[in-house]
Structure formats: structure tokens, C-alpha cells
All heavy atoms as atom14 arrays in JSON, in Angstrom:
{
  "sequence": "SLLRRFRKEGSLPGIHPLIDLCNAASLAFAIPVGVFDLARITGD",
  "atom14_mask": [
    [1, 1, 1, 1, 1, 1, 0, 0, 0, 0, 0, 0, 0, 0],
    [1, 1, 1, 1, 1, 1, 1, 1, 0, 0, 0, 0, 0, 0],
    [1, 1, 1, 1, 1, 1, 1, 1, 0, 0, 0, 0, 0, 0],
    [1, 1, 1, 1, 1, 1, 1, 1, 1, 1, 1, 0, 0, 0],
    [1, 1, 1, 1, 1, 1, 1, 1, 1, 1, 1, 0, 0, 0],
    [1, 1, 1, 1, 1, 1, 1, 1, 1, 1, 1, 0, 0, 0],
    [1, 1, 1, 1, 1, 1, 1, 1, 1, 1, 1, 0, 0, 0],
    [1, 1, 1, 1, 1, 1, 1, 1, 1, 0, 0, 0, 0, 0],
    [1, 1, 1, 1, 1, 1, 1, 1, 1, 0, 0, 0, 0, 0],
    [1, 1, 1, 1, 0, 0, 0, 0, 0, 0, 0, 0, 0, 0],
    [1, 1, 1, 1, 1, 1, 0, 0, 0, 0, 0, 0, 0, 0],
    [1, 1, 1, 1, 1, 1, 1, 1, 0, 0, 0, 0, 0, 0],
    [1, 1, 1, 1, 1, 1, 1, 0, 0, 0, 0, 0, 0, 0],
    [1, 1, 1, 1, 0, 0, 0, 0, 0, 0, 0, 0, 0, 0],
    [1, 1, 1, 1, 1, 1, 1, 1, 0, 0, 0, 0, 0, 0],
    [1, 1, 1, 1, 1, 1, 1, 1, 1, 1, 0, 0, 0, 0],
    [1, 1, 1, 1, 1, 1, 1, 0, 0, 0, 0, 0, 0, 0],
    [1, 1, 1, 1, 1, 1, 1, 1, 0, 0, 0, 0, 0, 0],
    [1, 1, 1, 1, 1, 1, 1, 1, 0, 0, 0, 0, 0, 0],
    [1, 1, 1, 1, 1, 1, 1, 1, 0, 0, 0, 0, 0, 0],
    [1, 1, 1, 1, 1, 1, 1, 1, 0, 0, 0, 0, 0, 0],
    [1, 1, 1, 1, 1, 1, 0, 0, 0, 0, 0, 0, 0, 0],
    [1, 1, 1, 1, 1, 1, 1, 1, 0, 0, 0, 0, 0, 0],
    [1, 1, 1, 1, 1, 0, 0, 0, 0, 0, 0, 0, 0, 0],
    [1, 1, 1, 1, 1, 0, 0, 0, 0, 0, 0, 0, 0, 0],
    [1, 1, 1, 1, 1, 1, 0, 0, 0, 0, 0, 0, 0, 0],
    [1, 1, 1, 1, 1, 1, 1, 1, 0, 0, 0, 0, 0, 0],
    [1, 1, 1, 1, 1, 0, 0, 0, 0, 0, 0, 0, 0, 0],
    [1, 1, 1, 1, 1, 1, 1, 1, 1, 1, 1, 0, 0, 0],
    [1, 1, 1, 1, 1, 0, 0, 0, 0, 0, 0, 0, 0, 0],
    [1, 1, 1, 1, 1, 1, 1, 1, 0, 0, 0, 0, 0, 0],
    [1, 1, 1, 1, 1, 1, 1, 0, 0, 0, 0, 0, 0, 0],
    [1, 1, 1, 1, 1, 1, 1, 0, 0, 0, 0, 0, 0, 0],
    [1, 1, 1, 1, 0, 0, 0, 0, 0, 0, 0, 0, 0, 0],
    [1, 1, 1, 1, 1, 1, 1, 0, 0, 0, 0, 0, 0, 0],
    [1, 1, 1, 1, 1, 1, 1, 1, 1, 1, 1, 0, 0, 0],
    [1, 1, 1, 1, 1, 1, 1, 1, 0, 0, 0, 0, 0, 0],
    [1, 1, 1, 1, 1, 1, 1, 1, 0, 0, 0, 0, 0, 0],
    [1, 1, 1, 1, 1, 0, 0, 0, 0, 0, 0, 0, 0, 0],
    [1, 1, 1, 1, 1, 1, 1, 1, 1, 1, 1, 0, 0, 0],
    [1, 1, 1, 1, 1, 1, 1, 1, 0, 0, 0, 0, 0, 0],
    [1, 1, 1, 1, 1, 1, 1, 0, 0, 0, 0, 0, 0, 0],
    [1, 1, 1, 1, 0, 0, 0, 0, 0, 0, 0, 0, 0, 0],
    [1, 1, 1, 1, 1, 1, 1, 1, 0, 0, 0, 0, 0, 0]
  ],
  "atom14_positions": [
    [[71.67, 21.96, 7.64], [73.12, 21.84, 7.9], [73.92, 22.03, 6.62], [74.96, 22.72, 6.62], [73.42, 20.47, 8.51], [72.8, 20.34, 9.77], [0.0, 0.0, 0.0], [0.0, 0.0, 0.0], [0.0, 0.0, 0.0], [0.0, 0.0, 0.0], [0.0, 0.0, 0.0], [0.0, 0.0, 0.0], [0.0, 0.0, 0.0], [0.0, 0.0, 0.0]],
    [[73.45, 21.43, 5.52], [74.15, 21.61, 4.24], [74.1, 23.07, 3.78], [75.1, 23.62, 3.31], [73.51, 20.73, 3.17], [73.77, 19.23, 3.25], [72.96, 18.51, 2.18], [75.25, 18.92, 3.07], [0.0, 0.0, 0.0], [0.0, 0.0, 0.0], [0.0, 0.0, 0.0], [0.0, 0.0, 0.0], [0.0, 0.0, 0.0], [0.0, 0.0, 0.0]],
    [[72.94, 23.7, 3.92], [72.8, 25.09, 3.5], [73.69, 26.02, 4.3], [74.28, 26.97, 3.76], [71.34, 25.53, 3.62], [70.4, 24.96, 2.56], [68.94, 25.09, 3.0], [70.61, 25.66, 1.23], [0.0, 0.0, 0.0], [0.0, 0.0, 0.0], [0.0, 0.0, 0.0], [0.0, 0.0, 0.0], [0.0, 0.0, 0.0], [0.0, 0.0, 0.0]],
    [[73.81, 25.77, 5.59], [74.69, 26.58, 6.43], [76.14, 26.47, 5.97], [76.86, 27.46, 5.86], [74.58, 26.16, 7.89], [73.34, 26.66, 8.61], [73.15, 25.97, 9.94], [74.29, 26.13, 10.84], [74.49, 27.19, 11.64], [73.63, 28.18, 11.64], [75.53, 27.25, 12.44], [0.0, 0.0, 0.0], [0.0, 0.0, 0.0], [0.0, 0.0, 0.0]],
    [[76.56, 25.24, 5.7], [77.94, 25.03, 5.26], [78.16, 25.67, 3.89], [79.21, 26.29, 3.64], [78.24, 23.53, 5.2], [79.68, 23.22, 4.82], [80.02, 21.77, 5.06], [81.43, 21.53, 4.85], [82.04, 20.37, 5.06], [81.36, 19.34, 5.54], [83.33, 20.23, 4.83], [0.0, 0.0, 0.0], [0.0, 0.0, 0.0], [0.0, 0.0, 0.0]],
    [[77.2, 25.52, 3.0], [77.31, 26.1, 1.67], [77.39, 27.61, 1.73], [78.17, 28.24, 1.01], [76.11, 25.66, 0.83], [76.13, 26.13, -0.59], [77.03, 25.6, -1.49], [75.22, 27.1, -1.03], [77.03, 26.04, -2.82], [75.22, 27.53, -2.33], [76.13, 26.99, -3.24], [0.0, 0.0, 0.0], [0.0, 0.0, 0.0], [0.0, 0.0, 0.0]],
    [[76.58, 28.22, 2.61], [76.61, 29.69, 2.75], [77.96, 30.17, 3.26], [78.47, 31.21, 2.82], [75.49, 30.13, 3.71], [75.53, 31.6, 4.1], [74.26, 32.02, 4.83], [73.96, 31.2, 5.98], [74.49, 31.37, 7.19], [75.4, 32.33, 7.39], [74.12, 30.61, 8.2], [0.0, 0.0, 0.0], [0.0, 0.0, 0.0], [0.0, 0.0, 0.0]],
    [[78.55, 29.43, 4.16], [79.81, 29.85, 4.76], [81.03, 29.56, 3.89], [81.99, 30.33, 3.86], [79.99, 29.17, 6.12], [78.98, 29.61, 7.17], [79.16, 28.83, 8.46], [78.13, 29.25, 9.51], [78.27, 28.45, 10.76], [0.0, 0.0, 0.0], [0.0, 0.0, 0.0], [0.0, 0.0, 0.0], [0.0, 0.0, 0.0], [0.0, 0.0, 0.0]],
    [[80.99, 28.42, 3.16], [82.16, 27.98, 2.41], [82.03, 28.13, 0.9], [83.02, 28.04, 0.19], [82.48, 26.52, 2.77], [82.75, 26.32, 4.26], [83.02, 24.87, 4.62], [83.18, 24.04, 3.68], [83.06, 24.55, 5.82], [0.0, 0.0, 0.0], [0.0, 0.0, 0.0], [0.0, 0.0, 0.0], [0.0, 0.0, 0.0], [0.0, 0.0, 0.0]],
    [[80.79, 28.29, 0.42], [80.59, 28.49, -1.0], [80.52, 27.21, -1.82], [80.23, 27.26, -3.03], [0.0, 0.0, 0.0], [0.0, 0.0, 0.0], [0.0, 0.0, 0.0], [0.0, 0.0, 0.0], [0.0, 0.0, 0.0], [0.0, 0.0, 0.0], [0.0, 0.0, 0.0], [0.0, 0.0, 0.0], [0.0, 0.0, 0.0], [0.0, 0.0, 0.0]],
    [[80.79, 26.07, -1.21], [80.73, 24.79, -1.91], [80.71, 23.67, -0.88], [80.93, 23.92, 0.32], [81.93, 24.61, -2.85], [83.14, 24.59, -2.11], [0.0, 0.0, 0.0], [0.0, 0.0, 0.0], [0.0, 0.0, 0.0], [0.0, 0.0, 0.0], [0.0, 0.0, 0.0], [0.0, 0.0, 0.0], [0.0, 0.0, 0.0], [0.0, 0.0, 0.0]],
    [[80.47, 22.45, -1.35], [80.52, 21.28, -0.49], [81.61, 20.35, -0.98], [81.87, 20.27, -2.18], [79.16, 20.55, -0.5], [77.96, 21.32, 0.01], [76.7, 20.47, -0.15], [78.14, 21.73, 1.47], [0.0, 0.0, 0.0], [0.0, 0.0, 0.0], [0.0, 0.0, 0.0], [0.0, 0.0, 0.0], [0.0, 0.0, 0.0], [0.0, 0.0, 0.0]],
    [[82.26, 19.62, -0.09], [83.33, 18.71, -0.52], [82.77, 17.52, -1.3], [81.64, 17.06, -1.05], [83.94, 18.25, 0.81], [82.83, 18.38, 1.8], [82.05, 19.58, 1.37], [0.0, 0.0, 0.0], [0.0, 0.0, 0.0], [0.0, 0.0, 0.0], [0.0, 0.0, 0.0], [0.0, 0.0, 0.0], [0.0, 0.0, 0.0], [0.0, 0.0, 0.0]],
    [[83.55, 17.02, -2.26], [83.15, 15.84, -3.0], [83.35, 14.59, -2.15], [84.37, 14.45, -1.47], [0.0, 0.0, 0.0], [0.0, 0.0, 0.0], [0.0, 0.0, 0.0], [0.0, 0.0, 0.0], [0.0, 0.0, 0.0], [0.0, 0.0, 0.0], [0.0, 0.0, 0.0], [0.0, 0.0, 0.0], [0.0, 0.0, 0.0], [0.0, 0.0, 0.0]],
    [[82.36, 13.68, -2.19], [82.42, 12.46, -1.39], [82.29, 11.23, -2.27], [83.13, 10.35, -2.28], [81.3, 12.46, -0.32], [81.45, 13.67, 0.61], [81.32, 11.16, 0.48], [80.28, 13.86, 1.57], [0.0, 0.0, 0.0], [0.0, 0.0, 0.0], [0.0, 0.0, 0.0], [0.0, 0.0, 0.0], [0.0, 0.0, 0.0], [0.0, 0.0, 0.0]],
    [[81.22, 11.17, -3.04], [80.89, 10.1, -3.97], [79.93, 10.74, -4.97], [79.13, 11.6, -4.59], [80.21, 8.95, -3.2], [79.78, 7.8, -4.05], [78.66, 7.86, -4.87], [80.28, 6.54, -4.2], [78.52, 6.69, -5.49], [79.48, 5.89, -5.1], [0.0, 0.0, 0.0], [0.0, 0.0, 0.0], [0.0, 0.0, 0.0], [0.0, 0.0, 0.0]],
    [[80.02, 10.38, -6.26], [79.15, 11.07, -7.24], [77.68, 11.12, -6.86], [77.04, 12.15, -7.01], [79.37, 10.26, -8.52], [80.74, 9.68, -8.38], [80.91, 9.4, -6.91], [0.0, 0.0, 0.0], [0.0, 0.0, 0.0], [0.0, 0.0, 0.0], [0.0, 0.0, 0.0], [0.0, 0.0, 0.0], [0.0, 0.0, 0.0], [0.0, 0.0, 0.0]],
    [[77.14, 10.01, -6.33], [75.72, 10.01, -5.97], [75.44, 10.9, -4.78], [74.46, 11.65, -4.76], [75.25, 8.58, -5.69], [73.76, 8.45, -5.34], [72.89, 8.92, -6.5], [73.42, 7.02, -4.95], [0.0, 0.0, 0.0], [0.0, 0.0, 0.0], [0.0, 0.0, 0.0], [0.0, 0.0, 0.0], [0.0, 0.0, 0.0], [0.0, 0.0, 0.0]],
    [[76.3, 10.86, -3.77], [76.12, 11.72, -2.61], [76.26, 13.18, -3.01], [75.48, 14.04, -2.57], [77.13, 11.36, -1.5], [76.89, 9.94, -1.01], [77.03, 12.35, -0.34], [77.91, 9.44, -0.01], [0.0, 0.0, 0.0], [0.0, 0.0, 0.0], [0.0, 0.0, 0.0], [0.0, 0.0, 0.0], [0.0, 0.0, 0.0], [0.0, 0.0, 0.0]],
    [[77.24, 13.47, -3.85], [77.44, 14.85, -4.3], [76.19, 15.36, -5.03], [75.75, 16.5, -4.82], [78.65, 14.94, -5.23], [79.95, 14.55, -4.54], [79.97, 14.47, -3.29], [80.94, 14.31, -5.25], [0.0, 0.0, 0.0], [0.0, 0.0, 0.0], [0.0, 0.0, 0.0], [0.0, 0.0, 0.0], [0.0, 0.0, 0.0], [0.0, 0.0, 0.0]],
    [[75.62, 14.51, -5.87], [74.42, 14.89, -6.61], [73.25, 15.13, -5.66], [72.54, 16.14, -5.78], [74.06, 13.78, -7.6], [72.77, 13.97, -8.4], [72.89, 15.14, -9.36], [72.42, 12.69, -9.16], [0.0, 0.0, 0.0], [0.0, 0.0, 0.0], [0.0, 0.0, 0.0], [0.0, 0.0, 0.0], [0.0, 0.0, 0.0], [0.0, 0.0, 0.0]],
    [[73.04, 14.22, -4.71], [71.92, 14.37, -3.78], [72.11, 15.55, -2.84], [71.13, 16.25, -2.51], [71.72, 13.08, -3.0], [71.07, 11.72, -4.0], [0.0, 0.0, 0.0], [0.0, 0.0, 0.0], [0.0, 0.0, 0.0], [0.0, 0.0, 0.0], [0.0, 0.0, 0.0], [0.0, 0.0, 0.0], [0.0, 0.0, 0.0], [0.0, 0.0, 0.0]],
    [[73.34, 15.81, -2.43], [73.6, 16.99, -1.6], [73.29, 18.27, -2.37], [72.71, 19.21, -1.81], [75.05, 17.0, -1.13], [75.3, 16.06, 0.04], [74.37, 15.55, 0.66], [76.56, 15.82, 0.34], [0.0, 0.0, 0.0], [0.0, 0.0, 0.0], [0.0, 0.0, 0.0], [0.0, 0.0, 0.0], [0.0, 0.0, 0.0], [0.0, 0.0, 0.0]],
    [[73.67, 18.31, -3.64], [73.4, 19.5, -4.45], [71.9, 19.68, -4.66], [71.38, 20.8, -4.63], [74.12, 19.39, -5.79], [0.0, 0.0, 0.0], [0.0, 0.0, 0.0], [0.0, 0.0, 0.0], [0.0, 0.0, 0.0], [0.0, 0.0, 0.0], [0.0, 0.0, 0.0], [0.0, 0.0, 0.0], [0.0, 0.0, 0.0], [0.0, 0.0, 0.0]],
    [[71.18, 18.57, -4.85], [69.73, 18.66, -5.0], [69.08, 19.14, -3.71], [68.12, 19.93, -3.74], [69.17, 17.3, -5.41], [0.0, 0.0, 0.0], [0.0, 0.0, 0.0], [0.0, 0.0, 0.0], [0.0, 0.0, 0.0], [0.0, 0.0, 0.0], [0.0, 0.0, 0.0], [0.0, 0.0, 0.0], [0.0, 0.0, 0.0], [0.0, 0.0, 0.0]],
    [[69.6, 18.68, -2.58], [69.09, 19.13, -1.29], [69.31, 20.63, -1.13], [68.43, 21.35, -0.64], [69.78, 18.36, -0.16], [69.26, 18.73, 1.1], [0.0, 0.0, 0.0], [0.0, 0.0, 0.0], [0.0, 0.0, 0.0], [0.0, 0.0, 0.0], [0.0, 0.0, 0.0], [0.0, 0.0, 0.0], [0.0, 0.0, 0.0], [0.0, 0.0, 0.0]],
    [[70.47, 21.13, -1.55], [70.73, 22.57, -1.51], [69.74, 23.32, -2.39], [69.18, 24.34, -1.99], [72.14, 22.86, -2.02], [73.33, 22.49, -1.13], [74.63, 22.81, -1.88], [73.29, 23.24, 0.19], [0.0, 0.0, 0.0], [0.0, 0.0, 0.0], [0.0, 0.0, 0.0], [0.0, 0.0, 0.0], [0.0, 0.0, 0.0], [0.0, 0.0, 0.0]],
    [[69.54, 22.83, -3.61], [68.7, 23.53, -4.58], [67.25, 23.64, -4.12], [66.61, 24.67, -4.33], [68.77, 22.83, -5.93], [0.0, 0.0, 0.0], [0.0, 0.0, 0.0], [0.0, 0.0, 0.0], [0.0, 0.0, 0.0], [0.0, 0.0, 0.0], [0.0, 0.0, 0.0], [0.0, 0.0, 0.0], [0.0, 0.0, 0.0], [0.0, 0.0, 0.0]],
    [[66.75, 22.58, -3.45], [65.35, 22.56, -3.05], [65.15, 22.85, -1.57], [64.01, 23.0, -1.12], [64.74, 21.2, -3.39], [64.5, 20.98, -4.86], [65.5, 20.49, -5.66], [63.28, 21.29, -5.43], [65.3, 20.29, -7.03], [63.05, 21.09, -6.78], [64.07, 20.59, -7.58], [0.0, 0.0, 0.0], [0.0, 0.0, 0.0], [0.0, 0.0, 0.0]],
    [[66.23, 22.93, -0.8], [66.17, 23.14, 0.65], [65.32, 22.06, 1.33], [64.6, 22.32, 2.29], [65.64, 24.54, 1.0], [0.0, 0.0, 0.0], [0.0, 0.0, 0.0], [0.0, 0.0, 0.0], [0.0, 0.0, 0.0], [0.0, 0.0, 0.0], [0.0, 0.0, 0.0], [0.0, 0.0, 0.0], [0.0, 0.0, 0.0], [0.0, 0.0, 0.0]],
    [[65.43, 20.85, 0.82], [64.7, 19.7, 1.33], [65.69, 18.62, 1.71], [66.61, 18.32, 0.93], [63.71, 19.17, 0.27], [62.58, 20.19, 0.03], [63.13, 17.82, 0.65], [61.68, 19.85, -1.13], [0.0, 0.0, 0.0], [0.0, 0.0, 0.0], [0.0, 0.0, 0.0], [0.0, 0.0, 0.0], [0.0, 0.0, 0.0], [0.0, 0.0, 0.0]],
    [[65.58, 18.01, 2.89], [66.52, 16.95, 3.27], [66.39, 15.72, 2.37], [65.28, 15.28, 2.07], [66.15, 16.62, 4.72], [64.78, 17.17, 4.91], [64.63, 18.31, 3.97], [0.0, 0.0, 0.0], [0.0, 0.0, 0.0], [0.0, 0.0, 0.0], [0.0, 0.0, 0.0], [0.0, 0.0, 0.0], [0.0, 0.0, 0.0], [0.0, 0.0, 0.0]],
    [[67.54, 15.21, 1.95], [67.6, 14.05, 1.07], [68.53, 13.02, 1.7], [69.7, 13.31, 1.97], [68.13, 14.43, -0.34], [68.23, 13.19, -1.23], [67.22, 15.47, -0.99], [0.0, 0.0, 0.0], [0.0, 0.0, 0.0], [0.0, 0.0, 0.0], [0.0, 0.0, 0.0], [0.0, 0.0, 0.0], [0.0, 0.0, 0.0], [0.0, 0.0, 0.0]],
    [[68.03, 11.83, 1.93], [68.85, 10.75, 2.46], [69.11, 9.7, 1.4], [68.23, 9.43, 0.56], [0.0, 0.0, 0.0], [0.0, 0.0, 0.0], [0.0, 0.0, 0.0], [0.0, 0.0, 0.0], [0.0, 0.0, 0.0], [0.0, 0.0, 0.0], [0.0, 0.0, 0.0], [0.0, 0.0, 0.0], [0.0, 0.0, 0.0], [0.0, 0.0, 0.0]],
    [[70.31, 9.12, 1.41], [70.69, 8.1, 0.43], [71.17, 6.87, 1.19], [72.12, 6.97, 1.98], [71.79, 8.59, -0.52], [71.93, 7.64, -1.71], [71.54, 10.0, -0.99], [0.0, 0.0, 0.0], [0.0, 0.0, 0.0], [0.0, 0.0, 0.0], [0.0, 0.0, 0.0], [0.0, 0.0, 0.0], [0.0, 0.0, 0.0], [0.0, 0.0, 0.0]],
    [[70.57, 5.73, 0.93], [70.88, 4.51, 1.68], [71.35, 3.4, 0.75], [70.78, 3.19, -0.32], [69.65, 4.04, 2.45], [69.1, 5.05, 3.41], [68.17, 5.99, 2.99], [69.52, 5.08, 4.73], [67.66, 6.93, 3.87], [69.03, 6.03, 5.61], [68.1, 6.95, 5.18], [0.0, 0.0, 0.0], [0.0, 0.0, 0.0], [0.0, 0.0, 0.0]],
    [[72.38, 2.67, 1.18], [72.87, 1.49, 0.49], [71.98, 0.32, 0.9], [72.03, -0.14, 2.05], [74.32, 1.23, 0.89], [74.93, 0.04, 0.17], [74.19, -0.81, -0.35], [76.17, -0.06, 0.15], [0.0, 0.0, 0.0], [0.0, 0.0, 0.0], [0.0, 0.0, 0.0], [0.0, 0.0, 0.0], [0.0, 0.0, 0.0], [0.0, 0.0, 0.0]],
    [[71.17, -0.18, -0.02], [70.19, -1.2, 0.33], [70.82, -2.53, 0.74], [70.19, -3.33, 1.45], [69.21, -1.42, -0.82], [68.09, -0.37, -0.93], [67.2, -0.68, -2.11], [67.26, -0.31, 0.34], [0.0, 0.0, 0.0], [0.0, 0.0, 0.0], [0.0, 0.0, 0.0], [0.0, 0.0, 0.0], [0.0, 0.0, 0.0], [0.0, 0.0, 0.0]],
    [[72.04, -2.78, 0.32], [72.71, -4.01, 0.73], [73.0, -4.03, 2.23], [73.27, -5.09, 2.8], [74.02, -4.19, -0.05], [0.0, 0.0, 0.0], [0.0, 0.0, 0.0], [0.0, 0.0, 0.0], [0.0, 0.0, 0.0], [0.0, 0.0, 0.0], [0.0, 0.0, 0.0], [0.0, 0.0, 0.0], [0.0, 0.0, 0.0], [0.0, 0.0, 0.0]],
    [[72.92, -2.86, 2.86], [73.24, -2.74, 4.29], [71.99, -2.64, 5.15], [72.07, -2.39, 6.34], [74.12, -1.51, 4.5], [75.37, -1.46, 3.62], [76.45, -2.36, 4.12], [77.04, -1.83, 5.34], [78.01, -2.43, 6.03], [78.46, -3.6, 5.63], [78.49, -1.88, 7.12], [0.0, 0.0, 0.0], [0.0, 0.0, 0.0], [0.0, 0.0, 0.0]],
    [[70.82, -2.82, 4.53], [69.55, -2.74, 5.25], [68.91, -4.12, 5.28], [68.85, -4.81, 4.26], [68.61, -1.71, 4.59], [69.21, -0.31, 4.74], [67.22, -1.77, 5.18], [68.45, 0.77, 4.0], [0.0, 0.0, 0.0], [0.0, 0.0, 0.0], [0.0, 0.0, 0.0], [0.0, 0.0, 0.0], [0.0, 0.0, 0.0], [0.0, 0.0, 0.0]],
    [[68.43, -4.52, 6.44], [67.82, -5.84, 6.62], [66.3, -5.71, 6.64], [65.74, -5.04, 7.5], [68.29, -6.48, 7.94], [69.73, -6.59, 7.92], [67.69, -7.86, 8.12], [0.0, 0.0, 0.0], [0.0, 0.0, 0.0], [0.0, 0.0, 0.0], [0.0, 0.0, 0.0], [0.0, 0.0, 0.0], [0.0, 0.0, 0.0], [0.0, 0.0, 0.0]],
    [[65.64, -6.37, 5.7], [64.19, -6.35, 5.67], [63.63, -5.0, 5.26], [64.21, -4.29, 4.45], [0.0, 0.0, 0.0], [0.0, 0.0, 0.0], [0.0, 0.0, 0.0], [0.0, 0.0, 0.0], [0.0, 0.0, 0.0], [0.0, 0.0, 0.0], [0.0, 0.0, 0.0], [0.0, 0.0, 0.0], [0.0, 0.0, 0.0], [0.0, 0.0, 0.0]],
    [[62.5, -4.64, 5.86], [61.83, -3.39, 5.53], [62.49, -2.21, 6.24], [63.16, -2.37, 7.26], [60.36, -3.46, 5.92], [59.62, -4.59, 5.21], [59.98, -4.89, 4.05], [58.71, -5.17, 5.82], [0.0, 0.0, 0.0], [0.0, 0.0, 0.0], [0.0, 0.0, 0.0], [0.0, 0.0, 0.0], [0.0, 0.0, 0.0], [0.0, 0.0, 0.0]]
  ]
}
């Protein structure tokens, strides 16, 4: 999904520095990258 948007628009919108970094890494490697706020996760 990120690659499709990048191909069509030439860039991705800025959201948060960490998300922007991980989205760019996902583009570079064509591998899905998820980022989770651990304070919002209960247990394992």
C-alpha cells in the first residue's frame, strides 16, 4: 500500500518522525513495518 502511494504521488505525508522513518524504511526494503506504542498494549 505504501509503495503504491509512493509510486503515484512521489512521496508520503509526514505524520510523526518515527512513523515517517519506518514508512521510508518499509519503502526502501519493500517489507511491511509496524510500529506500536507499548503503553497501549496489555500484557504479551
